[in-house]
Amino acid sequence: MARKHRLKYRRHRVKREHGLLPGLAPVLEEIARHPAVKSIIPARINSAIAGSRVQLSWKYKTPTGVKLLAKSGGGVQEIFVVTNEPEELREFINGL
């Protein structure tokens, strides 16, 4: 029973604790399909200069994977990706 509750906020390896920027969900789900990705954890949304389409940029490696920054629709959101292969993921993201 506890396992079901813990997974309540995940969909396709993307944690759903915070909201997502407009248009970001399909991008994150595409990244989550990569075999090197274990989990994607979006953080809170902060305001930014308005923009229309999702822009994803690589920030840096973390002890558990990588930090990305997403901008869309006047907001900016940190995205943490859990992976053992950050460079392979970087190449994949650059190809999106």
Protein backbone atom coordinates (compact mmCIF):
# COMPACT_ATOMS: atom_id res chain seq x y z
CA MET A 1 0.00 0.00 0.00
CA ALA A 2 2.79 2.46 0.86
CA ARG A 3 4.37 1.91 -2.56
CA LYS A 4 1.19 3.03 -4.37
CA HIS A 5 1.07 6.26 -2.36
CA ARG A 6 4.75 7.01 -3.04
CA LEU A 7 4.25 6.67 -6.80
CA LYS A 8 1.10 8.80 -6.76
CA TYR A 9 3.08 11.86 -7.84
CA ARG A 10 5.11 10.21 -10.63
CA ARG A 11 4.14 9.77 -14.24
CA HIS A 12 6.55 8.33 -16.79
CA ARG A 13 9.47 8.81 -14.33
CA VAL A 14 8.57 12.51 -13.91
CA LYS A 15 7.74 13.57 -10.35
CA ARG A 16 4.55 15.68 -10.16
CA GLU A 17 4.95 17.45 -6.82
CA HIS A 18 5.14 20.95 -8.33
CA GLY A 19 3.39 22.31 -11.39
CA LEU A 20 5.13 22.35 -14.76
CA LEU A 21 5.72 25.21 -17.16
CA PRO A 22 3.40 25.28 -20.20
CA GLY A 23 4.60 22.78 -22.80
CA LEU A 24 7.26 21.24 -20.53
CA ALA A 25 5.54 17.92 -19.74
CA PRO A 26 6.01 16.38 -23.23
CA VAL A 27 9.68 17.45 -23.27
CA LEU A 28 10.34 15.87 -19.87
CA GLU A 29 8.51 12.70 -20.85
CA GLU A 30 10.71 12.47 -23.96
CA ILE A 31 13.83 12.83 -21.81
CA ALA A 32 12.46 10.25 -19.34
CA ARG A 33 12.32 7.67 -22.17
CA HIS A 34 16.12 7.70 -22.40
CA PRO A 35 17.47 4.50 -20.80
CA ALA A 36 20.05 6.41 -18.72
CA VAL A 37 17.33 8.42 -16.91
CA LYS A 38 16.15 7.03 -13.59
CA SER A 39 13.96 9.94 -12.49
CA ILE A 40 13.13 13.58 -13.29
CA ILE A 41 12.34 15.99 -10.47
CA PRO A 42 10.99 19.43 -11.45
CA ALA A 43 11.38 22.15 -8.82
CA ARG A 44 9.23 25.22 -8.16
CA ILE A 45 8.41 27.69 -10.90
CA ASN A 46 9.76 31.24 -10.66
CA SER A 47 8.87 34.22 -12.83
CA ALA A 48 11.06 35.23 -15.77
CA ILE A 49 10.90 37.19 -19.00
CA ALA A 50 7.96 35.95 -21.06
CA GLY A 51 8.68 33.43 -23.76
CA SER A 52 6.44 31.33 -25.96
CA ARG A 53 8.18 27.99 -26.44
CA VAL A 54 10.06 25.73 -24.05
CA GLN A 55 13.79 26.40 -23.88
CA LEU A 56 15.86 23.80 -22.05
CA SER A 57 19.46 24.48 -21.03
CA TRP A 58 22.08 22.35 -19.31
CA LYS A 59 23.40 23.91 -16.09
CA TYR A 60 25.77 21.46 -14.38
CA LYS A 61 26.33 17.93 -13.05
CA THR A 62 25.08 17.09 -9.58
CA PRO A 63 26.09 14.19 -7.29
CA THR A 64 23.07 12.21 -8.56
CA GLY A 65 22.88 13.41 -12.17
CA VAL A 66 22.34 16.82 -13.76
CA LYS A 67 20.53 20.11 -13.31
CA LEU A 68 18.64 21.61 -16.25
CA LEU A 69 16.89 24.96 -16.53
CA ALA A 70 13.59 25.27 -18.42
CA LYS A 71 12.07 28.57 -19.59
CA SER A 72 8.58 28.95 -21.01
CA GLY A 73 5.56 31.23 -20.82
CA GLY A 74 7.09 33.79 -18.46
CA GLY A 75 8.46 31.23 -16.01
CA VAL A 76 11.70 29.46 -15.23
CA GLN A 77 11.98 26.06 -13.58
CA GLU A 78 14.91 23.99 -12.34
CA ILE A 79 14.80 20.36 -13.42
CA PHE A 80 16.89 17.70 -11.69
CA VAL A 81 17.54 14.50 -13.63
CA VAL A 82 18.79 11.41 -11.80
CA THR A 83 21.20 9.50 -14.03
CA ASN A 84 24.50 7.60 -13.91
CA GLU A 85 25.39 8.75 -17.44
CA PRO A 86 25.21 12.58 -17.54
CA GLU A 87 27.32 13.01 -20.69
CA GLU A 88 25.21 10.54 -22.66
CA LEU A 89 22.11 12.41 -21.50
CA ARG A 90 23.66 15.75 -22.48
CA GLU A 91 24.14 14.52 -26.06
CA PHE A 92 20.56 13.27 -26.14
CA ILE A 93 19.17 16.59 -24.87
CA ASN A 94 21.25 18.59 -27.36
CA GLY A 95 19.68 16.51 -30.13
CA LEU A 96 16.08 17.33 -29.11
